[in-house]
C-alpha atoms as a PDB file:
ATOM      1  CA  MET A   1      19.752   6.682   4.371  1.00  0.00           C
ATOM      2  CA  LEU A   2      17.149   4.179   3.186  1.00  0.00           C
ATOM      3  CA  ALA A   3      15.800   4.439  -0.357  1.00  0.00           C
ATOM      4  CA  LEU A   4      12.279   3.244  -1.147  1.00  0.00           C
ATOM      5  CA  LEU A   5      11.144   2.237  -4.620  1.00  0.00           C
ATOM      6  CA  HIS A   6       7.387   2.739  -5.088  1.00  0.00           C
ATOM      7  CA  THR A   7       5.044   2.218  -8.012  1.00  0.00           C
ATOM      8  CA  SER A   8       2.458   4.637  -6.580  1.00  0.00           C
ATOM      9  CA  PRO A   9       2.919   8.069  -4.994  1.00  0.00           C
ATOM     10  CA  ALA A  10       0.274   7.067  -2.447  1.00  0.00           C
ATOM     11  CA  HIS A  11       2.921   5.042  -0.603  1.00  0.00           C
ATOM     12  CA  VAL A  12       5.143   8.029   0.161  1.00  0.00           C
ATOM     13  CA  PRO A  13       3.080   9.516   3.026  1.00  0.00           C
ATOM     14  CA  VAL A  14       2.336   6.032   4.382  1.00  0.00           C
ATOM     15  CA  PHE A  15       5.989   5.155   4.819  1.00  0.00           C
ATOM     16  CA  ASP A  16       6.895   8.636   6.005  1.00  0.00           C
ATOM     17  CA  ALA A  17       4.297   8.255   8.775  1.00  0.00           C
ATOM     18  CA  LEU A  18       5.614   4.810   9.721  1.00  0.00           C
ATOM     19  CA  ARG A  19       9.152   6.206   9.825  1.00  0.00           C
ATOM     20  CA  ASP A  20       8.030   9.069  12.079  1.00  0.00           C
ATOM     21  CA  THR A  21       6.333   6.617  14.455  1.00  0.00           C
ATOM     22  CA  HIS A  22       8.811   3.752  14.558  1.00  0.00           C
ATOM     23  CA  HIS A  23      12.174   4.965  13.188  1.00  0.00           C
ATOM     24  CA  PRO A  24      12.371   8.745  13.705  1.00  0.00           C
ATOM     25  CA  ALA A  25      16.137   8.899  13.125  1.00  0.00           C
ATOM     26  CA  LEU A  26      15.913   7.147   9.755  1.00  0.00           C
ATOM     27  CA  GLN A  27      16.358   9.244   6.627  1.00  0.00           C
ATOM     28  CA  LEU A  28      14.171   8.143   3.722  1.00  0.00           C
ATOM     29  CA  ARG A  29      14.457   8.928   0.042  1.00  0.00           C
ATOM     30  CA  HIS A  30      11.549   7.985  -2.199  1.00  0.00           C
ATOM     31  CA  PHE A  31      11.701   6.915  -5.842  1.00  0.00           C
ATOM     32  CA  VAL A  32       8.303   6.650  -7.558  1.00  0.00           C
ATOM     33  CA  ASP A  33       7.786   5.102 -10.997  1.00  0.00           C
ATOM     34  CA  GLU A  34       4.200   4.128 -11.751  1.00  0.00           C
ATOM     35  CA  ASP A  35       5.131   2.841 -15.207  1.00  0.00           C
ATOM     36  CA  LEU A  36       7.090  -0.045 -13.691  1.00  0.00           C
ATOM     37  CA  LEU A  37       3.913  -1.650 -12.365  1.00  0.00           C
ATOM     38  CA  ALA A  38       1.957  -0.955 -15.539  1.00  0.00           C
ATOM     39  CA  ARG A  39       4.624  -2.643 -17.639  1.00  0.00           C
ATOM     40  CA  ALA A  40       5.050  -5.531 -15.200  1.00  0.00           C
ATOM     41  CA  ARG A  41       1.312  -6.180 -15.235  1.00  0.00           C
ATOM     42  CA  ARG A  42       1.261  -6.149 -19.022  1.00  0.00           C
ATOM     43  CA  ASP A  43       4.496  -7.972 -19.850  1.00  0.00           C
ATOM     44  CA  GLY A  44       5.600  -9.674 -16.625  1.00  0.00           C
ATOM     45  CA  PRO A  45       8.091  -8.578 -13.936  1.00  0.00           C
ATOM     46  CA  ASP A  46      11.147  -9.648 -15.950  1.00  0.00           C
ATOM     47  CA  ALA A  47      10.257  -7.003 -18.539  1.00  0.00           C
ATOM     48  CA  VAL A  48      11.127  -4.247 -16.040  1.00  0.00           C
ATOM     49  CA  ALA A  49      14.125  -5.948 -14.408  1.00  0.00           C
ATOM     50  CA  ALA A  50      16.674  -3.705 -16.121  1.00  0.00           C
ATOM     51  CA  ALA A  51      14.736  -0.516 -15.298  1.00  0.00           C
ATOM     52  CA  VAL A  52      14.338  -1.579 -11.668  1.00  0.00           C
ATOM     53  CA  ALA A  53      18.048  -2.359 -11.436  1.00  0.00           C
ATOM     54  CA  ASP A  54      18.874   1.091 -12.831  1.00  0.00           C
ATOM     55  CA  VAL A  55      16.754   2.836 -10.187  1.00  0.00           C
ATOM     56  CA  ILE A  56      18.291   0.786  -7.390  1.00  0.00           C
ATOM     57  CA  ALA A  57      21.835   1.334  -8.636  1.00  0.00           C
ATOM     58  CA  GLY A  58      21.145   5.057  -8.846  1.00  0.00           C
ATOM     59  CA  ALA A  59      19.829   5.111  -5.290  1.00  0.00           C
ATOM     60  CA  ALA A  60      22.935   3.327  -4.050  1.00  0.00           C
ATOM     61  CA  ALA A  61      25.162   5.746  -5.935  1.00  0.00           C
ATOM     62  CA  ASP A  62      23.332   8.615  -4.247  1.00  0.00           C
ATOM     63  CA  GLY A  63      24.184   7.231  -0.803  1.00  0.00           C
ATOM     64  CA  ALA A  64      21.445   4.768   0.082  1.00  0.00           C
ATOM     65  CA  ARG A  65      22.669   2.131   2.530  1.00  0.00           C
ATOM     66  CA  ALA A  66      19.751  -0.153   1.619  1.00  0.00           C
ATOM     67  CA  VAL A  67      16.763  -0.140  -0.728  1.00  0.00           C
ATOM     68  CA  LEU A  68      13.218  -1.257   0.039  1.00  0.00           C
ATOM     69  CA  CYS A  69      10.880  -2.137  -2.827  1.00  0.00           C
ATOM     70  CA  THR A  70       7.286  -1.555  -1.734  1.00  0.00           C
ATOM     71  CA  CYS A  71       5.682  -3.146  -4.809  1.00  0.00           C
ATOM     72  CA  SER A  72       4.990  -6.869  -4.420  1.00  0.00           C
ATOM     73  CA  THR A  73       4.727  -7.473  -8.166  1.00  0.00           C
ATOM     74  CA  ILE A  74       8.314  -6.380  -8.847  1.00  0.00           C
ATOM     75  CA  GLY A  75       9.807  -7.344  -5.488  1.00  0.00           C
ATOM     76  CA  GLY A  76      11.578 -10.384  -6.876  1.00  0.00           C
ATOM     77  CA  VAL A  77      13.394  -8.525  -9.639  1.00  0.00           C
ATOM     78  CA  ALA A  78      14.269  -5.795  -7.124  1.00  0.00           C
ATOM     79  CA  GLU A  79      15.953  -8.304  -4.811  1.00  0.00           C
ATOM     80  CA  ALA A  80      17.859  -9.706  -7.772  1.00  0.00           C
ATOM     81  CA  ALA A  81      19.399  -6.263  -8.378  1.00  0.00           C
ATOM     82  CA  ALA A  82      21.258  -6.248  -5.056  1.00  0.00           C
ATOM     83  CA  GLY A  83      24.471  -7.651  -6.501  1.00  0.00           C
ATOM     84  CA  ARG A  84      24.845  -4.886  -9.036  1.00  0.00           C
ATOM     85  CA  ALA A  85      23.870  -2.174  -6.548  1.00  0.00           C
ATOM     86  CA  GLY A  86      26.244  -3.345  -3.835  1.00  0.00           C
ATOM     87  CA  VAL A  87      23.738  -2.632  -1.056  1.00  0.00           C
ATOM     88  CA  PRO A  88      20.999  -4.745   0.559  1.00  0.00           C
ATOM     89  CA  VAL A  89      17.767  -4.719  -1.439  1.00  0.00           C
ATOM     90  CA  LEU A  90      14.641  -5.873   0.356  1.00  0.00           C
ATOM     91  CA  ARG A  91      11.086  -6.512  -0.754  1.00  0.00           C
ATOM     92  CA  VAL A  92       8.523  -5.138   1.646  1.00  0.00           C
ATOM     93  CA  ASP A  93       6.468  -8.329   1.786  1.00  0.00           C
ATOM     94  CA  ARG A  94       9.182 -10.845   2.727  1.00  0.00           C
ATOM     95  CA  PRO A  95       8.884 -10.462   6.546  1.00  0.00           C
ATOM     96  CA  MET A  96       5.083 -10.742   6.288  1.00  0.00           C
ATOM     97  CA  CYS A  97       5.344 -13.835   4.101  1.00  0.00           C
ATOM     98  CA  ALA A  98       7.820 -15.415   6.511  1.00  0.00           C
ATOM     99  CA  VAL A  99       5.153 -15.211   9.212  1.00  0.00           C
ATOM    100  CA  ALA A 100       2.434 -16.507   6.889  1.00  0.00           C
ATOM    101  CA  ALA A 101       4.608 -19.467   5.904  1.00  0.00           C
ATOM    102  CA  ARG A 102       4.305 -20.876   9.429  1.00  0.00           C
ATOM    103  CA  ALA A 103       0.559 -21.435   8.974  1.00  0.00           C
ATOM    104  CA  GLU A 104      -1.087 -24.462   7.413  1.00  0.00           C
ATOM    105  CA  ARG A 105      -3.816 -22.680   5.426  1.00  0.00           C
ATOM    106  CA  VAL A 106      -3.054 -19.287   3.902  1.00  0.00           C
ATOM    107  CA  VAL A 107      -5.347 -17.100   1.838  1.00  0.00           C
ATOM    108  CA  ILE A 108      -3.581 -14.450  -0.249  1.00  0.00           C
ATOM    109  CA  VAL A 109      -5.751 -11.428  -1.036  1.00  0.00           C
ATOM    110  CA  ALA A 110      -4.764  -8.980  -3.770  1.00  0.00           C
ATOM    111  CA  THR A 111      -6.311  -6.271  -5.903  1.00  0.00           C
ATOM    112  CA  VAL A 112      -3.825  -6.673  -8.775  1.00  0.00           C
ATOM    113  CA  ALA A 113      -3.654 -10.133 -10.340  1.00  0.00           C
ATOM    114  CA  SER A 114       0.063  -9.845 -11.098  1.00  0.00           C
ATOM    115  CA  THR A 115       0.768  -9.795  -7.357  1.00  0.00           C
ATOM    116  CA  LEU A 116      -0.786 -13.170  -6.548  1.00  0.00           C
ATOM    117  CA  GLU A 117       1.839 -15.551  -7.917  1.00  0.00           C
ATOM    118  CA  PRO A 118       4.880 -13.572  -6.680  1.00  0.00           C
ATOM    119  CA  THR A 119       3.368 -13.541  -3.186  1.00  0.00           C
ATOM    120  CA  ALA A 120       2.552 -17.241  -3.303  1.00  0.00           C
ATOM    121  CA  ALA A 121       6.073 -18.003  -4.524  1.00  0.00           C
ATOM    122  CA  LEU A 122       7.554 -15.946  -1.697  1.00  0.00           C
ATOM    123  CA  ILE A 123       5.500 -17.785   0.928  1.00  0.00           C
ATOM    124  CA  ARG A 124       6.628 -21.101  -0.527  1.00  0.00           C
ATOM    125  CA  ASP A 125      10.220 -19.857  -0.449  1.00  0.00           C
ATOM    126  CA  GLU A 126       9.878 -18.864   3.199  1.00  0.00           C
ATOM    127  CA  SER A 127       8.222 -22.158   4.160  1.00  0.00           C
ATOM    128  CA  ARG A 128      11.640 -23.863   4.304  1.00  0.00           C
ATOM    129  CA  GLY A 129      10.409 -27.151   2.905  1.00  0.00           C
ATOM    130  CA  ARG A 130       6.976 -27.110   4.475  1.00  0.00           C
ATOM    131  CA  GLU A 131       3.989 -27.091   2.151  1.00  0.00           C
ATOM    132  CA  PRO A 132       1.329 -24.657   3.398  1.00  0.00           C
ATOM    133  CA  ARG A 133      -1.961 -24.800   1.541  1.00  0.00           C
ATOM    134  CA  LEU A 134      -2.258 -21.566  -0.419  1.00  0.00           C
ATOM    135  CA  ARG A 135      -5.383 -20.054  -1.912  1.00  0.00           C
ATOM    136  CA  THR A 136      -5.631 -16.757  -3.750  1.00  0.00           C
ATOM    137  CA  LEU A 137      -8.422 -14.213  -3.832  1.00  0.00           C
ATOM    138  CA  LEU A 138      -8.533 -11.298  -6.275  1.00  0.00           C
ATOM    139  CA  VAL A 139     -10.767  -8.417  -5.180  1.00  0.00           C
ATOM    140  CA  GLU A 140     -12.379  -7.540  -8.481  1.00  0.00           C
ATOM    141  CA  ASP A 141     -12.611  -3.845  -9.453  1.00  0.00           C
ATOM    142  CA  ALA A 142     -10.942  -2.634  -6.241  1.00  0.00           C
ATOM    143  CA  TRP A 143      -7.768  -1.453  -8.002  1.00  0.00           C
ATOM    144  CA  GLU A 144      -9.794   0.901 -10.178  1.00  0.00           C
ATOM    145  CA  ARG A 145     -11.015   2.580  -6.992  1.00  0.00           C
ATOM    146  CA  PHE A 146      -7.444   2.974  -5.786  1.00  0.00           C
ATOM    147  CA  THR A 147      -6.223   4.510  -9.021  1.00  0.00           C
ATOM    148  CA  ALA A 148      -9.249   6.841  -9.037  1.00  0.00           C
ATOM    149  CA  GLY A 149      -8.288   8.138  -5.594  1.00  0.00           C
ATOM    150  CA  ASP A 150     -11.192   6.461  -3.769  1.00  0.00           C
ATOM    151  CA  ARG A 151      -9.090   5.174  -0.879  1.00  0.00           C
ATOM    152  CA  ASP A 152     -12.035   4.487   1.430  1.00  0.00           C
ATOM    153  CA  GLY A 153     -13.880   2.566  -1.260  1.00  0.00           C
ATOM    154  CA  TYR A 154     -10.734   0.601  -2.006  1.00  0.00           C
ATOM    155  CA  LEU A 155     -10.098  -0.351   1.617  1.00  0.00           C
ATOM    156  CA  ASP A 156     -13.749  -1.170   2.243  1.00  0.00           C
ATOM    157  CA  ALA A 157     -13.783  -3.507  -0.765  1.00  0.00           C
ATOM    158  CA  VAL A 158     -10.689  -5.293   0.501  1.00  0.00           C
ATOM    159  CA  ALA A 159     -12.085  -5.572   4.032  1.00  0.00           C
ATOM    160  CA  ALA A 160     -15.366  -6.975   2.745  1.00  0.00           C
ATOM    161  CA  ALA A 161     -13.498  -9.619   0.745  1.00  0.00           C
ATOM    162  CA  VAL A 162     -11.390 -10.592   3.755  1.00  0.00           C
ATOM    163  CA  ASP A 163     -14.513 -10.971   5.885  1.00  0.00           C
ATOM    164  CA  GLU A 164     -15.781 -13.604   3.432  1.00  0.00           C
ATOM    165  CA  VAL A 165     -12.709 -15.812   3.841  1.00  0.00           C
ATOM    166  CA  ARG A 166     -13.325 -19.191   5.437  1.00  0.00           C
ATOM    167  CA  ASP A 167     -11.191 -22.287   6.068  1.00  0.00           C
ATOM    168  CA  ALA A 168      -7.960 -20.390   6.629  1.00  0.00           C
ATOM    169  CA  ASP A 169      -5.480 -19.916   9.440  1.00  0.00           C
ATOM    170  CA  VAL A 170      -4.201 -16.547   8.235  1.00  0.00           C
ATOM    171  CA  VAL A 171      -5.020 -13.949   5.592  1.00  0.00           C
ATOM    172  CA  VAL A 172      -2.244 -12.141   3.726  1.00  0.00           C
ATOM    173  CA  LEU A 173      -2.837  -8.678   2.282  1.00  0.00           C
ATOM    174  CA  ALA A 174      -0.474  -9.000  -0.641  1.00  0.00           C
ATOM    175  CA  GLN A 175       0.005  -5.302  -1.471  1.00  0.00           C
ATOM    176  CA  ALA A 176       1.258  -2.515   0.770  1.00  0.00           C
ATOM    177  CA  SER A 177      -1.662  -0.350  -0.374  1.00  0.00           C
ATOM    178  CA  MET A 178      -4.072  -2.777   1.306  1.00  0.00           C
ATOM    179  CA  ALA A 179      -2.605  -2.559   4.812  1.00  0.00           C
ATOM    180  CA  ASP A 180      -5.178  -0.227   6.380  1.00  0.00           C
ATOM    181  CA  ALA A 181      -7.980  -2.572   5.343  1.00  0.00           C
ATOM    182  CA  ALA A 182      -6.988  -4.856   8.222  1.00  0.00           C
ATOM    183  CA  ALA A 183      -8.459  -2.394  10.727  1.00  0.00           C
ATOM    184  CA  ARG A 184     -11.758  -2.393   8.823  1.00  0.00           C
ATOM    185  CA  THR A 185     -12.313  -6.145   8.910  1.00  0.00           C
ATOM    186  CA  ARG A 186     -14.573  -8.031  11.321  1.00  0.00           C
ATOM    187  CA  THR A 187     -12.932 -11.417  10.865  1.00  0.00           C
ATOM    188  CA  ALA A 188     -11.427 -13.308  13.776  1.00  0.00           C
ATOM    189  CA  LEU A 189      -8.615 -14.552  11.538  1.00  0.00           C
ATOM    190  CA  PRO A 190      -5.144 -12.987  11.740  1.00  0.00           C
ATOM    191  CA  VAL A 191      -4.747 -10.488   8.882  1.00  0.00           C
ATOM    192  CA  LEU A 192      -1.146  -9.769   7.897  1.00  0.00           C
ATOM    193  CA  SER A 193       0.111  -6.693   6.074  1.00  0.00           C
ATOM    194  CA  SER A 194       3.580  -5.718   4.910  1.00  0.00           C
ATOM    195  CA  PRO A 195       4.508  -2.061   5.574  1.00  0.00           C
ATOM    196  CA  VAL A 196       5.412  -2.180   9.293  1.00  0.00           C
ATOM    197  CA  PRO A 197       7.545  -5.362   9.299  1.00  0.00           C
ATOM    198  CA  GLY A 198       8.966  -4.525   5.882  1.00  0.00           C
ATOM    199  CA  LEU A 199      10.153  -1.087   6.925  1.00  0.00           C
ATOM    200  CA  ARG A 200      11.554  -2.511  10.172  1.00  0.00           C
ATOM    201  CA  ALA A 201      13.659  -5.042   8.278  1.00  0.00           C
ATOM    202  CA  ALA A 202      14.880  -2.412   5.827  1.00  0.00           C
ATOM    203  CA  ALA A 203      15.765   0.010   8.621  1.00  0.00           C
ATOM    204  CA  GLU A 204      17.820  -2.705  10.302  1.00  0.00           C
ATOM    205  CA  ALA A 205      19.568  -3.499   7.022  1.00  0.00           C
ATOM    206  CA  ALA A 206      20.401   0.158   6.416  1.00  0.00           C
ATOM    207  CA  LEU A 207      21.736   0.552   9.948  1.00  0.00           C
ATOM    208  CA  SER A 208      23.850  -2.607   9.687  1.00  0.00           C
ATOM    209  CA  ALA A 209      25.288  -1.501   6.346  1.00  0.00           C
ATOM    210  CA  ALA A 210      26.109   1.959   7.670  1.00  0.00           C
ATOM    211  CA  SER A 211      27.715   0.518  10.811  1.00  0.00           C
ATOM    212  CA  ALA A 212      29.779  -1.951   8.785  1.00  0.00           C
ATOM    213  CA  SER A 213      31.015   0.890   6.599  1.00  0.00           C
ATOM    214  CA  ALA A 214      31.983   2.869   9.689  1.00  0.00           C
ATOM    215  CA  GLY A 215      33.572  -0.150  11.352  1.00  0.00           C
ATOM    216  CA  VAL A 216      31.270  -0.180  14.393  1.00  0.00           C
ATOM    217  CA  SER A 217      28.740  -2.677  15.746  1.00  0.00           C
ATOM    218  CA  PRO A 218      25.128  -1.802  14.874  1.00  0.00           C
ATOM    219  CA  GLY A 219      22.598  -1.096  17.597  1.00  0.00           C
ATOM    220  CA  PRO A 220      18.817  -1.446  17.281  1.00  0.00           C
ATOM    221  CA  ALA A 221      17.203   0.298  14.312  1.00  0.00           C
ATOM    222  CA  ALA A 222      16.110   3.809  15.226  1.00  0.00           C
END
């Protein structure tokens, strides 16, 4: 079983659909706490580190073989909770950022300001000593559309911002909620999003952990 920690209930059907398409044998359990993001935006991610660790430890105690944090703002403190939980803890944006780190010029697009620096730090971490040129772009007022339930307006605003990007080799959609905006863009630039590669990595981690517990060699993630 893979546990997912979300800061919006909107992510639950998204990841369920991705599971059904790419990993039909994978059991998911969702934990949603919107207050974690609100507090992290107000006081910084470290302010919710203990609460995040409690959720992850509880998920592990309930049988999760791995935990995936789908919120980029608190992804770092989620990863740091792995030692206490005793299971792999992954942040959904790490595989995406590993790809972005290979480029020379990266533009990070976000709708929540608190996501920009954690994403930039993760790309730098994944660059393995290289120094990609990073720029950030905050899509003003888009998050209010998301929280109001205007998903189309939200995605259109993100897509319009991406289409204005110049002088870049790749565009990173920093939040999982932004992923579907990629299909609405007209840019010729590669546009990276996190849910598909993030869930793939977490599914593989859960399978490996379960296989290790059973004493067998893991196969490909279902």
